C-alpha atoms as a PDB file:
ATOM      1  CA  MET A   1      49.264  71.654  11.869  1.00  0.00           C
ATOM      2  CA  VAL A   2      50.855  70.207   8.138  1.00  0.00           C
ATOM      3  CA  ILE A   3      53.136  68.245   9.974  1.00  0.00           C
ATOM      4  CA  ASN A   4      51.113  66.918  12.046  1.00  0.00           C
ATOM      5  CA  HIS A   5      49.252  65.718   9.258  1.00  0.00           C
ATOM      6  CA  MET A   6      51.730  64.417   7.625  1.00  0.00           C
ATOM      7  CA  LYS A   7      52.873  62.469  10.801  1.00  0.00           C
ATOM      8  CA  GLU A   8      49.440  60.544  11.379  1.00  0.00           C
ATOM      9  CA  ARG A   9      49.255  59.886   7.539  1.00  0.00           C
ATOM     10  CA  ALA A  10      52.626  57.649   8.070  1.00  0.00           C
ATOM     11  CA  ILE A  11      51.514  56.051  11.636  1.00  0.00           C
ATOM     12  CA  ASP A  12      48.516  54.893   9.152  1.00  0.00           C
ATOM     13  CA  MET A  13      49.931  53.763   6.153  1.00  0.00           C
ATOM     14  CA  LYS A  14      50.629  50.029   5.301  1.00  0.00           C
ATOM     15  CA  ILE A  15      54.089  49.697   3.308  1.00  0.00           C
ATOM     16  CA  VAL A  16      54.974  46.633   1.530  1.00  0.00           C
ATOM     17  CA  SER A  17      57.633  45.775  -0.949  1.00  0.00           C
ATOM     18  CA  PHE A  18      57.738  43.288  -3.508  1.00  0.00           C
ATOM     19  CA  ILE A  19      60.614  41.570  -5.082  1.00  0.00           C
ATOM     20  CA  PRO A  20      58.867  40.017  -8.566  1.00  0.00           C
ATOM     21  CA  ILE A  21      61.453  37.377 -10.099  1.00  0.00           C
ATOM     22  CA  LYS A  22      61.230  35.085 -12.724  1.00  0.00           C
ATOM     23  CA  LEU A  23      63.633  31.887 -13.407  1.00  0.00           C
ATOM     24  CA  ASN A  24      63.406  31.077 -17.116  1.00  0.00           C
ATOM     25  CA  ASN A  25      65.587  34.572 -18.327  1.00  0.00           C
ATOM     26  CA  GLN A  26      65.771  34.577 -21.810  1.00  0.00           C
ATOM     27  CA  ARG A  27      68.805  36.638 -22.606  1.00  0.00           C
ATOM     28  CA  LEU A  28      70.993  35.021 -19.656  1.00  0.00           C
ATOM     29  CA  HIS A  29      69.505  31.812 -18.677  1.00  0.00           C
ATOM     30  CA  GLY A  30      69.137  31.645 -14.591  1.00  0.00           C
ATOM     31  CA  LYS A  31      70.767  34.800 -14.037  1.00  0.00           C
ATOM     32  CA  ASN A  32      68.853  35.739 -11.123  1.00  0.00           C
ATOM     33  CA  THR A  33      70.639  32.267  -9.369  1.00  0.00           C
ATOM     34  CA  LEU A  34      73.921  33.041 -10.767  1.00  0.00           C
ATOM     35  CA  PRO A  35      76.243  32.778  -8.452  1.00  0.00           C
ATOM     36  CA  LEU A  36      78.035  36.487  -7.486  1.00  0.00           C
ATOM     37  CA  GLY A  37      80.433  36.479  -4.559  1.00  0.00           C
ATOM     38  CA  ASP A  38      80.117  34.033  -2.191  1.00  0.00           C
ATOM     39  CA  LYS A  39      76.135  33.769  -3.119  1.00  0.00           C
ATOM     40  CA  ALA A  40      73.687  34.076  -5.341  1.00  0.00           C
ATOM     41  CA  MET A  41      72.824  36.697  -7.266  1.00  0.00           C
ATOM     42  CA  CYS A  42      69.217  37.505  -6.344  1.00  0.00           C
ATOM     43  CA  GLU A  43      70.579  37.207  -2.391  1.00  0.00           C
ATOM     44  CA  TYR A  44      71.673  40.847  -2.703  1.00  0.00           C
ATOM     45  CA  ILE A  45      69.048  42.352  -3.036  1.00  0.00           C
ATOM     46  CA  PHE A  46      66.656  39.402  -0.600  1.00  0.00           C
ATOM     47  CA  ASP A  47      69.284  40.491   1.982  1.00  0.00           C
ATOM     48  CA  THR A  48      69.089  44.589   0.835  1.00  0.00           C
ATOM     49  CA  VAL A  49      65.583  44.473   1.252  1.00  0.00           C
ATOM     50  CA  LYS A  50      65.162  42.794   4.711  1.00  0.00           C
ATOM     51  CA  LYS A  51      67.687  45.497   5.725  1.00  0.00           C
ATOM     52  CA  VAL A  52      65.612  48.941   5.123  1.00  0.00           C
ATOM     53  CA  LYS A  53      63.122  50.602   7.342  1.00  0.00           C
ATOM     54  CA  GLY A  54      59.904  51.277   7.523  1.00  0.00           C
ATOM     55  CA  ILE A  55      58.448  48.547   5.514  1.00  0.00           C
ATOM     56  CA  ASP A  56      55.751  46.193   6.666  1.00  0.00           C
ATOM     57  CA  GLU A  57      55.453  43.678   4.793  1.00  0.00           C
ATOM     58  CA  ARG A  58      58.252  42.196   2.227  1.00  0.00           C
ATOM     59  CA  TYR A  59      57.259  39.475  -0.518  1.00  0.00           C
ATOM     60  CA  VAL A  60      59.115  37.665  -3.367  1.00  0.00           C
ATOM     61  CA  TYR A  61      56.482  37.451  -6.107  1.00  0.00           C
ATOM     62  CA  CYS A  62      57.558  34.251  -8.376  1.00  0.00           C
ATOM     63  CA  SER A  63      55.620  31.079  -9.796  1.00  0.00           C
ATOM     64  CA  ASP A  64      58.884  28.746  -8.458  1.00  0.00           C
ATOM     65  CA  GLU A  65      59.354  28.048  -4.741  1.00  0.00           C
ATOM     66  CA  VAL A  66      62.856  27.338  -5.733  1.00  0.00           C
ATOM     67  CA  ILE A  67      63.262  30.206  -4.902  1.00  0.00           C
ATOM     68  CA  ARG A  68      62.342  29.937  -1.482  1.00  0.00           C
ATOM     69  CA  LYS A  69      65.798  28.102  -0.564  1.00  0.00           C
ATOM     70  CA  TYR A  70      67.992  31.769  -1.874  1.00  0.00           C
ATOM     71  CA  MET A  71      65.246  33.417   1.198  1.00  0.00           C
ATOM     72  CA  PRO A  72      65.975  34.568   4.398  1.00  0.00           C
ATOM     73  CA  LYS A  73      62.862  34.513   6.617  1.00  0.00           C
ATOM     74  CA  GLU A  74      62.284  37.852   6.382  1.00  0.00           C
ATOM     75  CA  LEU A  75      61.230  37.733   3.449  1.00  0.00           C
ATOM     76  CA  THR A  76      57.382  36.195   2.204  1.00  0.00           C
ATOM     77  CA  PHE A  77      56.732  33.935  -0.550  1.00  0.00           C
ATOM     78  CA  LEU A  78      53.634  34.619  -2.691  1.00  0.00           C
ATOM     79  CA  LYS A  79      53.099  32.251  -5.299  1.00  0.00           C
ATOM     80  CA  ARG A  80      52.313  33.567  -8.754  1.00  0.00           C
ATOM     81  CA  ASP A  81      50.455  32.707 -11.901  1.00  0.00           C
ATOM     82  CA  THR A  82      52.848  31.245 -14.257  1.00  0.00           C
ATOM     83  CA  TYR A  83      51.406  33.224 -17.176  1.00  0.00           C
ATOM     84  CA  LEU A  84      53.242  36.402 -15.609  1.00  0.00           C
ATOM     85  CA  ASP A  85      56.959  34.547 -16.594  1.00  0.00           C
ATOM     86  CA  GLY A  86      55.705  34.708 -20.471  1.00  0.00           C
ATOM     87  CA  TYR A  87      58.291  36.920 -22.621  1.00  0.00           C
ATOM     88  CA  GLN A  88      55.291  38.798 -23.609  1.00  0.00           C
ATOM     89  CA  VAL A  89      53.910  40.483 -20.208  1.00  0.00           C
ATOM     90  CA  LYS A  90      54.897  43.786 -18.940  1.00  0.00           C
ATOM     91  CA  GLY A  91      55.963  44.801 -15.510  1.00  0.00           C
ATOM     92  CA  LEU A  92      52.945  46.713 -15.781  1.00  0.00           C
ATOM     93  CA  GLU A  93      51.090  43.658 -15.877  1.00  0.00           C
ATOM     94  CA  ILE A  94      53.197  42.209 -13.146  1.00  0.00           C
ATOM     95  CA  ILE A  95      52.644  45.581 -10.878  1.00  0.00           C
ATOM     96  CA  ASP A  96      48.355  44.811 -11.550  1.00  0.00           C
ATOM     97  CA  TYR A  97      48.215  41.267 -10.338  1.00  0.00           C
ATOM     98  CA  PHE A  98      50.696  42.292  -7.594  1.00  0.00           C
ATOM     99  CA  ILE A  99      48.893  44.495  -5.388  1.00  0.00           C
ATOM    100  CA  LYS A 100      45.530  42.879  -6.367  1.00  0.00           C
ATOM    101  CA  ASP A 101      46.318  40.453  -4.018  1.00  0.00           C
ATOM    102  CA  VAL A 102      48.315  42.749  -1.856  1.00  0.00           C
ATOM    103  CA  LYS A 103      46.896  45.927  -0.550  1.00  0.00           C
ATOM    104  CA  ALA A 104      48.987  48.612   0.618  1.00  0.00           C
ATOM    105  CA  ASP A 105      49.264  52.009   0.496  1.00  0.00           C
ATOM    106  CA  ILE A 106      52.610  52.027  -0.519  1.00  0.00           C
ATOM    107  CA  TYR A 107      54.898  50.119  -2.518  1.00  0.00           C
ATOM    108  CA  VAL A 108      57.915  49.492  -3.259  1.00  0.00           C
ATOM    109  CA  LEU A 109      59.507  47.505  -6.019  1.00  0.00           C
ATOM    110  CA  THR A 110      62.687  46.735  -6.482  1.00  0.00           C
ATOM    111  CA  HIS A 111      64.879  44.027  -9.213  1.00  0.00           C
ATOM    112  CA  VAL A 112      67.374  41.303  -8.912  1.00  0.00           C
ATOM    113  CA  THR A 113      69.208  42.288 -11.738  1.00  0.00           C
ATOM    114  CA  GLN A 114      70.709  45.638  -9.753  1.00  0.00           C
ATOM    115  CA  PRO A 115      72.379  43.739  -6.996  1.00  0.00           C
ATOM    116  CA  PHE A 116      74.225  46.178  -5.370  1.00  0.00           C
ATOM    117  CA  THR A 117      71.214  49.127  -4.541  1.00  0.00           C
ATOM    118  CA  GLN A 118      71.917  50.424  -0.947  1.00  0.00           C
ATOM    119  CA  PRO A 119      69.292  50.438   2.079  1.00  0.00           C
ATOM    120  CA  SER A 120      69.839  53.858   2.681  1.00  0.00           C
ATOM    121  CA  SER A 121      68.848  54.807  -0.844  1.00  0.00           C
ATOM    122  CA  MET A 122      65.807  53.321  -0.625  1.00  0.00           C
ATOM    123  CA  GLU A 123      65.129  54.159   2.617  1.00  0.00           C
ATOM    124  CA  GLU A 124      65.879  58.058   2.087  1.00  0.00           C
ATOM    125  CA  ALA A 125      63.228  57.630  -1.386  1.00  0.00           C
ATOM    126  CA  LEU A 126      60.663  55.915   0.565  1.00  0.00           C
ATOM    127  CA  GLU A 127      60.601  58.787   3.277  1.00  0.00           C
ATOM    128  CA  LYS A 128      60.020  61.177   0.747  1.00  0.00           C
ATOM    129  CA  VAL A 129      56.941  59.347  -0.506  1.00  0.00           C
ATOM    130  CA  LYS A 130      55.845  59.059   3.434  1.00  0.00           C
ATOM    131  CA  SER A 131      55.818  61.960   3.758  1.00  0.00           C
ATOM    132  CA  GLY A 132      53.502  63.263   1.454  1.00  0.00           C
ATOM    133  CA  GLU A 133      55.491  65.771  -0.064  1.00  0.00           C
ATOM    134  CA  TYR A 134      55.730  63.103  -3.304  1.00  0.00           C
ATOM    135  CA  ASP A 135      54.053  60.207  -4.861  1.00  0.00           C
ATOM    136  CA  SER A 136      56.253  58.448  -6.015  1.00  0.00           C
ATOM    137  CA  ALA A 137      60.223  57.891  -6.145  1.00  0.00           C
ATOM    138  CA  PHE A 138      62.460  56.456  -8.110  1.00  0.00           C
ATOM    139  CA  SER A 139      66.117  55.223  -8.784  1.00  0.00           C
ATOM    140  CA  VAL A 140      68.130  57.219 -11.603  1.00  0.00           C
ATOM    141  CA  LYS A 141      72.109  58.018 -12.441  1.00  0.00           C
ATOM    142  CA  LYS A 142      72.882  61.278 -13.048  1.00  0.00           C
ATOM    143  CA  ILE A 143      74.384  61.762 -16.444  1.00  0.00           C
ATOM    144  CA  GLN A 144      76.330  64.748 -16.670  1.00  0.00           C
ATOM    145  CA  ASP A 145      78.089  64.391 -20.199  1.00  0.00           C
ATOM    146  CA  TYR A 146      78.219  65.062 -24.077  1.00  0.00           C
ATOM    147  CA  CYS A 147      74.441  63.366 -25.378  1.00  0.00           C
ATOM    148  CA  TRP A 148      73.116  63.172 -28.920  1.00  0.00           C
ATOM    149  CA  TYR A 149      69.924  61.949 -29.940  1.00  0.00           C
ATOM    150  CA  LYS A 150      68.544  61.521 -33.561  1.00  0.00           C
ATOM    151  CA  GLY A 151      71.583  62.608 -34.618  1.00  0.00           C
ATOM    152  CA  LYS A 152      71.996  66.203 -32.699  1.00  0.00           C
ATOM    153  CA  PRO A 153      73.489  67.191 -29.768  1.00  0.00           C
ATOM    154  CA  PHE A 154      71.079  66.688 -26.922  1.00  0.00           C
ATOM    155  CA  ASN A 155      72.267  69.095 -24.521  1.00  0.00           C
ATOM    156  CA  TYR A 156      74.809  70.965 -25.057  1.00  0.00           C
ATOM    157  CA  ASP A 157      75.994  73.570 -27.998  1.00  0.00           C
ATOM    158  CA  MET A 158      79.020  72.697 -30.527  1.00  0.00           C
ATOM    159  CA  LYS A 159      79.060  75.725 -31.285  1.00  0.00           C
ATOM    160  CA  ASP A 160      79.131  77.059 -27.071  1.00  0.00           C
ATOM    161  CA  ILE A 161      80.780  74.068 -25.787  1.00  0.00           C
ATOM    162  CA  VAL A 162      80.861  74.033 -22.156  1.00  0.00           C
ATOM    163  CA  THR A 163      83.084  72.544 -19.275  1.00  0.00           C
ATOM    164  CA  THR A 164      81.345  69.097 -18.275  1.00  0.00           C
ATOM    165  CA  GLN A 165      80.668  70.055 -14.522  1.00  0.00           C
ATOM    166  CA  ASN A 166      78.596  73.196 -16.352  1.00  0.00           C
ATOM    167  CA  LEU A 167      76.136  70.917 -18.377  1.00  0.00           C
ATOM    168  CA  GLU A 168      72.681  70.776 -17.531  1.00  0.00           C
ATOM    169  CA  PRO A 169      72.782  67.035 -15.882  1.00  0.00           C
ATOM    170  CA  ILE A 170      70.282  64.260 -17.669  1.00  0.00           C
ATOM    171  CA  TYR A 171      68.799  61.813 -15.110  1.00  0.00           C
ATOM    172  CA  MET A 172      68.554  58.276 -16.556  1.00  0.00           C
ATOM    173  CA  GLU A 173      65.696  55.550 -14.729  1.00  0.00           C
ATOM    174  CA  THR A 174      68.112  52.421 -13.437  1.00  0.00           C
ATOM    175  CA  GLY A 175      65.148  50.327 -12.341  1.00  0.00           C
ATOM    176  CA  ALA A 176      66.975  49.612  -9.250  1.00  0.00           C
ATOM    177  CA  PHE A 177      63.557  49.924  -7.157  1.00  0.00           C
ATOM    178  CA  PHE A 178      60.052  52.559  -7.611  1.00  0.00           C
ATOM    179  CA  ILE A 179      57.499  53.471  -4.729  1.00  0.00           C
ATOM    180  CA  PHE A 180      54.529  54.497  -5.577  1.00  0.00           C
ATOM    181  CA  THR A 181      51.416  55.142  -3.635  1.00  0.00           C
ATOM    182  CA  ARG A 182      47.915  52.881  -4.429  1.00  0.00           C
ATOM    183  CA  GLU A 183      46.172  55.713  -5.546  1.00  0.00           C
ATOM    184  CA  VAL A 184      49.060  56.198  -8.158  1.00  0.00           C
ATOM    185  CA  PHE A 185      49.104  53.005  -9.311  1.00  0.00           C
ATOM    186  CA  GLU A 186      45.237  52.906  -9.671  1.00  0.00           C
ATOM    187  CA  LYS A 187      44.613  56.628 -10.967  1.00  0.00           C
ATOM    188  CA  TYR A 188      47.222  56.327 -13.697  1.00  0.00           C
ATOM    189  CA  HIS A 189      48.394  53.122 -14.246  1.00  0.00           C
ATOM    190  CA  GLN A 190      52.036  54.142 -13.631  1.00  0.00           C
ATOM    191  CA  ARG A 191      54.652  53.233 -11.609  1.00  0.00           C
ATOM    192  CA  ILE A 192      56.127  56.728 -11.221  1.00  0.00           C
ATOM    193  CA  GLY A 193      53.162  59.381 -10.349  1.00  0.00           C
ATOM    194  CA  ILE A 194      52.841  63.237 -11.501  1.00  0.00           C
ATOM    195  CA  LYS A 195      55.680  64.456  -8.666  1.00  0.00           C
ATOM    196  CA  PRO A 196      57.974  62.265  -8.427  1.00  0.00           C
ATOM    197  CA  TYR A 197      61.255  62.604  -6.396  1.00  0.00           C
ATOM    198  CA  MET A 198      64.261  61.030  -7.926  1.00  0.00           C
ATOM    199  CA  LYS A 199      67.472  59.649  -5.570  1.00  0.00           C
ATOM    200  CA  VAL A 200      70.681  60.160  -7.647  1.00  0.00           C
ATOM    201  CA  ILE A 201      72.354  56.607  -6.701  1.00  0.00           C
ATOM    202  CA  GLU A 202      76.103  55.729  -7.101  1.00  0.00           C
ATOM    203  CA  GLN A 203      77.615  54.103 -10.488  1.00  0.00           C
ATOM    204  CA  LEU A 204      78.211  51.056  -8.492  1.00  0.00           C
ATOM    205  CA  GLU A 205      74.776  50.784  -7.196  1.00  0.00           C
ATOM    206  CA  ALA A 206      73.372  51.113 -11.280  1.00  0.00           C
ATOM    207  CA  ILE A 207      75.094  48.177 -12.318  1.00  0.00           C
ATOM    208  CA  ASP A 208      72.428  46.017 -13.948  1.00  0.00           C
ATOM    209  CA  ILE A 209      72.581  42.824 -15.067  1.00  0.00           C
ATOM    210  CA  ASP A 210      71.086  41.365 -18.560  1.00  0.00           C
ATOM    211  CA  THR A 211      73.378  39.941 -20.751  1.00  0.00           C
ATOM    212  CA  ALA A 212      76.671  37.874 -20.026  1.00  0.00           C
ATOM    213  CA  ASP A 213      79.137  40.620 -20.283  1.00  0.00           C
ATOM    214  CA  ASP A 214      76.858  42.567 -17.526  1.00  0.00           C
ATOM    215  CA  TYR A 215      77.459  39.406 -14.756  1.00  0.00           C
ATOM    216  CA  GLU A 216      81.157  39.458 -15.604  1.00  0.00           C
ATOM    217  CA  PHE A 217      81.034  42.969 -14.864  1.00  0.00           C
ATOM    218  CA  ALA A 218      79.049  42.572 -11.757  1.00  0.00           C
ATOM    219  CA  LYS A 219      81.537  39.849 -10.694  1.00  0.00           C
ATOM    220  CA  VAL A 220      84.337  42.327 -11.104  1.00  0.00           C
ATOM    221  CA  ALA A 221      82.349  44.746  -8.986  1.00  0.00           C
ATOM    222  CA  ALA A 222      81.380  41.962  -6.266  1.00  0.00           C
ATOM    223  CA  ASP A 223      84.832  41.085  -5.372  1.00  0.00           C
ATOM    224  CA  TYR A 224      85.370  45.063  -5.243  1.00  0.00           C
ATOM    225  CA  LEU A 225      82.780  45.763  -3.038  1.00  0.00           C
ATOM    226  CA  TYR A 226      82.717  43.075  -0.707  1.00  0.00           C
ATOM    227  CA  LYS A 227      86.388  40.871  -0.915  1.00  0.00           C
ATOM    228  CA  LYS A 228      87.611  41.192   2.600  1.00  0.00           C
END
């Protein structure tokens, strides 16, 4: 009975993905449309999202219609208020605006700055939320190394140093994607609920482009991953 209920729940749910994007980046000017390999940076996540199974509607949430020329036909442009391009605006405020514009049961939030995110990673995480076992999901990088915090060892004892493979792992949010129910955001005003699924992604998937150095590293990674 429980399994059947979950299946019925999944069938009835509306699932929407959205990619918030602005073109007035501060640290690396115009980074979202910079060339990366043989296409613009934003086109990587656009192409990824269009391949993810189980999504009913896919949006690019941007104030500038110039972004349309990079979009595949499977994605829909949704014009957002230019206020959301301000440097003082936080991510949660952008989510709040979007879910008021587009009603759904589950939202899949992705970011252009992590171009190497794989559809399979997003699909796995989405299935966990659809099942009802988890109220949200997000991408993480697994760190299993000697870490310090506030001047002290965080995850190991200096008098009893174990091998790295025996250390308790630490999981770092990567920001590649966040998947959450509408209920989670409305109740907690968070993109992560109280019972999240953490999807561990590979190091290359976790590459995040914020600075010029990040961009140069990503170009090398793109050549490695996609050069024929």
